[in-house]
Amino acid sequence: KPPPPPHFNIMTVHRFQPRDSLSYVQERALETFSLSYADQSIITGYVGKDIVQIGQYYALTRFGCALDCNDPHFNGVDGI
């Protein structure tokens, strides 16, 4: 029998800190999102906008800032 998955704890993961970014913009009066998947996992949070750099390329893009997730397998995935 495999061991149980680790417990997801939003307080112990490395998170994006909007206040540390000089280019972060909060989307429309705290626009939120909630994503649910077939396996019953749910991620909720808010939408932000910032400049993302990959090598020499830069882009202003929208992204979700996760605040809560009920599945520990998402811990550390794409900044969650």
C-alpha atoms as a PDB file:
ATOM      1  CA  LYS A   1       0.000   0.000   0.000  1.00  0.00           C
ATOM      2  CA  PRO A   2       1.499   3.389  -0.969  1.00  0.00           C
ATOM      3  CA  PRO A   3       2.017   5.973   1.756  1.00  0.00           C
ATOM      4  CA  PRO A   4      -0.596   8.726   2.015  1.00  0.00           C
ATOM      5  CA  PRO A   5       0.166  11.890   0.042  1.00  0.00           C
ATOM      6  CA  PRO A   6       1.751  14.787   1.905  1.00  0.00           C
ATOM      7  CA  HIS A   7      -0.540  17.369   3.454  1.00  0.00           C
ATOM      8  CA  PHE A   8      -0.750  20.588   1.429  1.00  0.00           C
ATOM      9  CA  ASN A   9       0.059  23.581   3.612  1.00  0.00           C
ATOM     10  CA  ILE A  10      -0.055  26.947   1.838  1.00  0.00           C
ATOM     11  CA  MET A  11       1.977  28.503   4.665  1.00  0.00           C
ATOM     12  CA  THR A  12       5.050  26.298   4.022  1.00  0.00           C
ATOM     13  CA  VAL A  13       5.384  26.562   0.230  1.00  0.00           C
ATOM     14  CA  HIS A  14       7.446  29.129  -1.686  1.00  0.00           C
ATOM     15  CA  ARG A  15       4.958  31.625  -3.097  1.00  0.00           C
ATOM     16  CA  PHE A  16       5.037  34.522  -5.519  1.00  0.00           C
ATOM     17  CA  GLN A  17       4.958  37.756  -3.521  1.00  0.00           C
ATOM     18  CA  PRO A  18       3.232  40.519  -5.539  1.00  0.00           C
ATOM     19  CA  ARG A  19       4.565  43.205  -3.189  1.00  0.00           C
ATOM     20  CA  ASP A  20       8.152  42.221  -4.161  1.00  0.00           C
ATOM     21  CA  SER A  21       7.540  42.869  -7.866  1.00  0.00           C
ATOM     22  CA  LEU A  22       7.966  46.325  -9.396  1.00  0.00           C
ATOM     23  CA  SER A  23       5.713  45.444 -12.355  1.00  0.00           C
ATOM     24  CA  TYR A  24       2.872  43.445 -10.737  1.00  0.00           C
ATOM     25  CA  VAL A  25      -0.671  44.664 -11.429  1.00  0.00           C
ATOM     26  CA  GLN A  26      -3.732  43.269  -9.707  1.00  0.00           C
ATOM     27  CA  GLU A  27      -6.452  42.464 -12.201  1.00  0.00           C
ATOM     28  CA  ARG A  28      -9.871  44.098 -11.838  1.00  0.00           C
ATOM     29  CA  ALA A  29     -10.962  44.565  -8.225  1.00  0.00           C
ATOM     30  CA  LEU A  30      -9.583  41.217  -7.070  1.00  0.00           C
ATOM     31  CA  GLU A  31     -10.898  38.965  -9.851  1.00  0.00           C
ATOM     32  CA  THR A  32     -10.922  35.433  -8.442  1.00  0.00           C
ATOM     33  CA  PHE A  33     -10.852  31.966  -9.960  1.00  0.00           C
ATOM     34  CA  SER A  34     -11.798  28.452  -8.921  1.00  0.00           C
ATOM     35  CA  LEU A  35     -10.690  25.414 -10.921  1.00  0.00           C
ATOM     36  CA  SER A  36     -12.022  21.935 -10.257  1.00  0.00           C
ATOM     37  CA  TYR A  37     -10.819  18.696 -11.800  1.00  0.00           C
ATOM     38  CA  ALA A  38     -12.291  15.241 -12.396  1.00  0.00           C
ATOM     39  CA  ASP A  39     -10.357  13.821  -9.431  1.00  0.00           C
ATOM     40  CA  GLN A  40     -12.182  16.292  -7.119  1.00  0.00           C
ATOM     41  CA  SER A  41      -9.140  18.521  -6.599  1.00  0.00           C
ATOM     42  CA  ILE A  42      -9.899  22.237  -6.429  1.00  0.00           C
ATOM     43  CA  ILE A  43      -7.620  25.282  -6.692  1.00  0.00           C
ATOM     44  CA  THR A  44      -8.828  28.778  -5.834  1.00  0.00           C
ATOM     45  CA  GLY A  45      -7.153  32.168  -5.904  1.00  0.00           C
ATOM     46  CA  TYR A  46      -7.045  35.538  -7.643  1.00  0.00           C
ATOM     47  CA  VAL A  47      -5.843  36.827 -11.026  1.00  0.00           C
ATOM     48  CA  GLY A  48      -2.754  38.998 -11.340  1.00  0.00           C
ATOM     49  CA  LYS A  49      -0.638  40.454 -14.138  1.00  0.00           C
ATOM     50  CA  ASP A  50       3.126  40.810 -14.300  1.00  0.00           C
ATOM     51  CA  ILE A  51       6.065  40.780 -16.675  1.00  0.00           C
ATOM     52  CA  VAL A  52       7.461  37.269 -17.137  1.00  0.00           C
ATOM     53  CA  GLN A  53      10.964  36.700 -18.495  1.00  0.00           C
ATOM     54  CA  ILE A  54      12.157  33.574 -20.298  1.00  0.00           C
ATOM     55  CA  GLY A  55      15.717  34.061 -21.476  1.00  0.00           C
ATOM     56  CA  GLN A  56      15.848  37.280 -23.494  1.00  0.00           C
ATOM     57  CA  TYR A  57      12.090  37.400 -24.006  1.00  0.00           C
ATOM     58  CA  TYR A  58       9.638  39.359 -21.869  1.00  0.00           C
ATOM     59  CA  ALA A  59       5.844  39.318 -21.855  1.00  0.00           C
ATOM     60  CA  LEU A  60       3.148  41.005 -19.795  1.00  0.00           C
ATOM     61  CA  THR A  61       0.793  38.169 -18.913  1.00  0.00           C
ATOM     62  CA  ARG A  62      -2.132  37.278 -16.665  1.00  0.00           C
ATOM     63  CA  PHE A  63      -1.821  34.365 -14.270  1.00  0.00           C
ATOM     64  CA  GLY A  64      -3.582  32.818 -11.335  1.00  0.00           C
ATOM     65  CA  CYS A  65      -2.215  33.321  -7.830  1.00  0.00           C
ATOM     66  CA  ALA A  66      -3.333  30.231  -5.934  1.00  0.00           C
ATOM     67  CA  LEU A  67      -4.496  30.749  -2.367  1.00  0.00           C
ATOM     68  CA  ASP A  68      -5.929  27.327  -1.574  1.00  0.00           C
ATOM     69  CA  CYS A  69      -5.762  23.788  -2.917  1.00  0.00           C
ATOM     70  CA  ASN A  70      -7.269  20.610  -1.485  1.00  0.00           C
ATOM     71  CA  ASP A  71      -4.719  18.268  -3.141  1.00  0.00           C
ATOM     72  CA  PRO A  72      -1.106  18.087  -1.888  1.00  0.00           C
ATOM     73  CA  HIS A  73       0.060  16.754  -5.261  1.00  0.00           C
ATOM     74  CA  PHE A  74      -0.164  20.335  -6.581  1.00  0.00           C
ATOM     75  CA  ASN A  75       2.360  21.558  -4.009  1.00  0.00           C
ATOM     76  CA  GLY A  76       5.308  23.080  -5.875  1.00  0.00           C
ATOM     77  CA  VAL A  77       3.696  22.794  -9.322  1.00  0.00           C
ATOM     78  CA  ASP A  78       3.929  25.992 -11.379  1.00  0.00           C
ATOM     79  CA  GLY A  79       4.539  28.085  -8.284  1.00  0.00           C
ATOM     80  CA  ILE A  80       1.581  26.707  -6.331  1.00  0.00           C
END
